Amino acid sequence: MDSFKAVSDYMLNSPTLKYDLMFIVVAIAGLCLVWAGISLWDRFRANSNSDKPLHVSLFVELCQAHQLEEDETLWLTSVAERRHVDDPARLFYKPLVLESELGADGANALMARTLLSKLFGSATESNPS
């Protein structure tokens, strides 16, 4: 019993143990602050992206990645609406939708041909139109 009292007295009166305990408390508080900050940042980021559906933001990013002009992007959007494509990003990996526009009037056929070449290159040039 005396050894237990001696250990407890040492722990209560030890300056290095108080320093270590203070360091542990500060480290835990710091980790809690970092966790809270990351949680708030993640919640803010999720709220800021919630106004655009994922497929719309993907479509916009694909248009930017392919360096499409504004009129080309608007034309693709109108084709997606006209052809009832629920996800306009599909136009970037399904050339059949754009190929169906080749039979349209002159301006639409020219835009379809231009975008087919820009997006799919030689993959669609071998197909007879």
C-alpha atoms as a PDB file:
ATOM      1  CA  MET A   1       0.000   0.000   0.000  1.00  0.00           C
ATOM      2  CA  ASP A   2       2.898   2.337   0.717  1.00  0.00           C
ATOM      3  CA  SER A   3       4.303   1.797  -2.771  1.00  0.00           C
ATOM      4  CA  PHE A   4       0.971   2.802  -4.315  1.00  0.00           C
ATOM      5  CA  LYS A   5       0.918   5.989  -2.244  1.00  0.00           C
ATOM      6  CA  ALA A   6       4.504   6.714  -3.202  1.00  0.00           C
ATOM      7  CA  VAL A   7       3.737   6.304  -6.907  1.00  0.00           C
ATOM      8  CA  SER A   8       0.627   8.464  -6.698  1.00  0.00           C
ATOM      9  CA  ASP A   9       2.519  11.185  -4.772  1.00  0.00           C
ATOM     10  CA  TYR A  10       5.269  11.118  -7.374  1.00  0.00           C
ATOM     11  CA  MET A  11       2.744  11.397 -10.207  1.00  0.00           C
ATOM     12  CA  LEU A  12       0.950  14.319  -8.585  1.00  0.00           C
ATOM     13  CA  ASN A  13       4.129  16.200  -7.713  1.00  0.00           C
ATOM     14  CA  SER A  14       6.281  15.397 -10.744  1.00  0.00           C
ATOM     15  CA  PRO A  15       6.930  18.484 -12.910  1.00  0.00           C
ATOM     16  CA  THR A  16       7.770  16.378 -15.977  1.00  0.00           C
ATOM     17  CA  LEU A  17       4.559  14.392 -15.663  1.00  0.00           C
ATOM     18  CA  LYS A  18       2.543  17.624 -15.432  1.00  0.00           C
ATOM     19  CA  TYR A  19       4.325  18.863 -18.556  1.00  0.00           C
ATOM     20  CA  ASP A  20       3.624  15.589 -20.387  1.00  0.00           C
ATOM     21  CA  LEU A  21       0.001  15.644 -19.302  1.00  0.00           C
ATOM     22  CA  MET A  22      -0.343  19.257 -20.460  1.00  0.00           C
ATOM     23  CA  PHE A  23       1.205  18.318 -23.827  1.00  0.00           C
ATOM     24  CA  ILE A  24      -1.237  15.433 -24.252  1.00  0.00           C
ATOM     25  CA  VAL A  25      -4.233  17.660 -23.435  1.00  0.00           C
ATOM     26  CA  VAL A  26      -3.068  20.346 -25.890  1.00  0.00           C
ATOM     27  CA  ALA A  27      -2.430  17.726 -28.598  1.00  0.00           C
ATOM     28  CA  ILE A  28      -5.903  16.227 -28.164  1.00  0.00           C
ATOM     29  CA  ALA A  29      -7.478  19.702 -28.243  1.00  0.00           C
ATOM     30  CA  GLY A  30      -5.526  20.488 -31.415  1.00  0.00           C
ATOM     31  CA  LEU A  31      -6.677  17.290 -33.089  1.00  0.00           C
ATOM     32  CA  CYS A  32     -10.274  18.091 -32.133  1.00  0.00           C
ATOM     33  CA  LEU A  33      -9.938  21.554 -33.696  1.00  0.00           C
ATOM     34  CA  VAL A  34      -8.469  20.107 -36.892  1.00  0.00           C
ATOM     35  CA  TRP A  35     -11.265  17.535 -37.080  1.00  0.00           C
ATOM     36  CA  ALA A  36     -13.918  20.236 -36.538  1.00  0.00           C
ATOM     37  CA  GLY A  37     -12.330  22.432 -39.209  1.00  0.00           C
ATOM     38  CA  ILE A  38     -12.235  19.613 -41.752  1.00  0.00           C
ATOM     39  CA  SER A  39     -15.842  18.688 -40.985  1.00  0.00           C
ATOM     40  CA  LEU A  40     -17.023  22.267 -41.472  1.00  0.00           C
ATOM     41  CA  TRP A  41     -15.027  22.639 -44.685  1.00  0.00           C
ATOM     42  CA  ASP A  42     -16.439  19.389 -46.047  1.00  0.00           C
ATOM     43  CA  ARG A  43     -19.986  20.433 -45.169  1.00  0.00           C
ATOM     44  CA  PHE A  44     -19.486  23.839 -46.825  1.00  0.00           C
ATOM     45  CA  ARG A  45     -18.028  22.224 -49.945  1.00  0.00           C
ATOM     46  CA  ALA A  46     -20.911  19.760 -50.182  1.00  0.00           C
ATOM     47  CA  ASN A  47     -23.441  22.608 -49.894  1.00  0.00           C
ATOM     48  CA  SER A  48     -21.710  24.706 -52.541  1.00  0.00           C
ATOM     49  CA  ASN A  49     -21.767  21.848 -55.077  1.00  0.00           C
ATOM     50  CA  SER A  50     -25.332  20.793 -54.359  1.00  0.00           C
ATOM     51  CA  ASP A  51     -26.850  23.439 -56.639  1.00  0.00           C
ATOM     52  CA  LYS A  52     -25.557  21.638 -59.756  1.00  0.00           C
ATOM     53  CA  PRO A  53     -26.278  17.986 -60.390  1.00  0.00           C
ATOM     54  CA  LEU A  54     -23.190  15.869 -60.927  1.00  0.00           C
ATOM     55  CA  HIS A  55     -23.918  15.192 -64.601  1.00  0.00           C
ATOM     56  CA  VAL A  56     -24.230  18.913 -65.342  1.00  0.00           C
ATOM     57  CA  SER A  57     -20.938  19.770 -63.672  1.00  0.00           C
ATOM     58  CA  LEU A  58     -19.294  16.829 -65.473  1.00  0.00           C
ATOM     59  CA  PHE A  59     -20.651  18.129 -68.798  1.00  0.00           C
ATOM     60  CA  VAL A  60     -19.248  21.600 -68.072  1.00  0.00           C
ATOM     61  CA  GLU A  61     -15.862  20.145 -67.093  1.00  0.00           C
ATOM     62  CA  LEU A  62     -15.743  18.031 -70.266  1.00  0.00           C
ATOM     63  CA  CYS A  63     -16.555  21.061 -72.401  1.00  0.00           C
ATOM     64  CA  GLN A  64     -13.731  22.962 -70.714  1.00  0.00           C
ATOM     65  CA  ALA A  65     -11.319  20.032 -71.060  1.00  0.00           C
ATOM     66  CA  HIS A  66     -12.034  19.828 -74.799  1.00  0.00           C
ATOM     67  CA  GLN A  67     -11.755  23.624 -75.064  1.00  0.00           C
ATOM     68  CA  LEU A  68     -15.160  23.972 -76.689  1.00  0.00           C
ATOM     69  CA  GLU A  69     -16.412  27.407 -77.625  1.00  0.00           C
ATOM     70  CA  GLU A  70     -19.572  28.746 -76.016  1.00  0.00           C
ATOM     71  CA  ASP A  71     -21.648  28.208 -79.170  1.00  0.00           C
ATOM     72  CA  GLU A  72     -20.452  24.590 -79.367  1.00  0.00           C
ATOM     73  CA  THR A  73     -21.396  24.007 -75.735  1.00  0.00           C
ATOM     74  CA  LEU A  74     -24.829  25.546 -76.278  1.00  0.00           C
ATOM     75  CA  TRP A  75     -25.333  23.451 -79.406  1.00  0.00           C
ATOM     76  CA  LEU A  76     -24.428  20.265 -77.507  1.00  0.00           C
ATOM     77  CA  THR A  77     -26.909  21.231 -74.798  1.00  0.00           C
ATOM     78  CA  SER A  78     -29.648  21.735 -77.374  1.00  0.00           C
ATOM     79  CA  VAL A  79     -28.846  18.370 -79.004  1.00  0.00           C
ATOM     80  CA  ALA A  80     -29.062  16.673 -75.603  1.00  0.00           C
ATOM     81  CA  GLU A  81     -32.468  18.248 -75.010  1.00  0.00           C
ATOM     82  CA  ARG A  82     -33.714  17.543 -78.536  1.00  0.00           C
ATOM     83  CA  ARG A  83     -32.577  13.905 -78.432  1.00  0.00           C
ATOM     84  CA  HIS A  84     -33.826  13.424 -74.839  1.00  0.00           C
ATOM     85  CA  VAL A  85     -30.381  12.589 -73.452  1.00  0.00           C
ATOM     86  CA  ASP A  86     -30.771  12.780 -69.676  1.00  0.00           C
ATOM     87  CA  ASP A  87     -27.027  13.133 -69.060  1.00  0.00           C
ATOM     88  CA  PRO A  88     -25.406  15.536 -71.556  1.00  0.00           C
ATOM     89  CA  ALA A  89     -21.948  14.210 -70.641  1.00  0.00           C
ATOM     90  CA  ARG A  90     -22.874  11.076 -72.617  1.00  0.00           C
ATOM     91  CA  LEU A  91     -22.398  13.076 -75.796  1.00  0.00           C
ATOM     92  CA  PHE A  92     -18.670  12.869 -75.108  1.00  0.00           C
ATOM     93  CA  TYR A  93     -18.546   9.077 -75.330  1.00  0.00           C
ATOM     94  CA  LYS A  94     -21.504   8.230 -77.557  1.00  0.00           C
ATOM     95  CA  PRO A  95     -20.845   9.568 -81.062  1.00  0.00           C
ATOM     96  CA  LEU A  96     -24.119   8.064 -82.356  1.00  0.00           C
ATOM     97  CA  VAL A  97     -26.100  10.978 -80.943  1.00  0.00           C
ATOM     98  CA  LEU A  98     -23.949  13.499 -82.809  1.00  0.00           C
ATOM     99  CA  GLU A  99     -23.874  11.331 -85.934  1.00  0.00           C
ATOM    100  CA  SER A 100     -27.680  11.441 -85.986  1.00  0.00           C
ATOM    101  CA  GLU A 101     -27.394  15.225 -86.419  1.00  0.00           C
ATOM    102  CA  LEU A 102     -25.386  14.862 -89.661  1.00  0.00           C
ATOM    103  CA  GLY A 103     -28.638  14.521 -91.616  1.00  0.00           C
ATOM    104  CA  ALA A 104     -30.029  17.803 -90.243  1.00  0.00           C
ATOM    105  CA  ASP A 105     -29.984  21.193 -91.979  1.00  0.00           C
ATOM    106  CA  GLY A 106     -26.700  22.790 -93.074  1.00  0.00           C
ATOM    107  CA  ALA A 107     -25.693  24.603 -89.863  1.00  0.00           C
ATOM    108  CA  ASN A 108     -26.509  21.662 -87.598  1.00  0.00           C
ATOM    109  CA  ALA A 109     -24.768  19.192 -89.908  1.00  0.00           C
ATOM    110  CA  LEU A 110     -21.670  21.407 -90.036  1.00  0.00           C
ATOM    111  CA  MET A 111     -21.602  21.768 -86.245  1.00  0.00           C
ATOM    112  CA  ALA A 112     -22.090  18.006 -85.827  1.00  0.00           C
ATOM    113  CA  ARG A 113     -19.234  17.288 -88.243  1.00  0.00           C
ATOM    114  CA  THR A 114     -16.980  19.819 -86.479  1.00  0.00           C
ATOM    115  CA  LEU A 115     -17.691  18.440 -83.007  1.00  0.00           C
ATOM    116  CA  LEU A 116     -17.406  14.815 -84.119  1.00  0.00           C
ATOM    117  CA  SER A 117     -13.955  15.602 -85.434  1.00  0.00           C
ATOM    118  CA  LYS A 118     -13.024  17.614 -82.338  1.00  0.00           C
ATOM    119  CA  LEU A 119     -14.297  15.089 -79.804  1.00  0.00           C
ATOM    120  CA  PHE A 120     -13.719  11.751 -81.504  1.00  0.00           C
ATOM    121  CA  GLY A 121     -11.116  12.539 -84.169  1.00  0.00           C
ATOM    122  CA  SER A 122     -10.357   9.715 -86.556  1.00  0.00           C
ATOM    123  CA  ALA A 123     -12.586   7.269 -84.650  1.00  0.00           C
ATOM    124  CA  THR A 124     -15.647   8.606 -86.481  1.00  0.00           C
ATOM    125  CA  GLU A 125     -13.991   9.638 -89.739  1.00  0.00           C
ATOM    126  CA  SER A 126     -13.766   6.030 -90.890  1.00  0.00           C
ATOM    127  CA  ASN A 127     -17.538   5.658 -90.603  1.00  0.00           C
ATOM    128  CA  PRO A 128     -19.263   6.664 -93.842  1.00  0.00           C
ATOM    129  CA  SER A 129     -21.787   9.457 -93.396  1.00  0.00           C
END
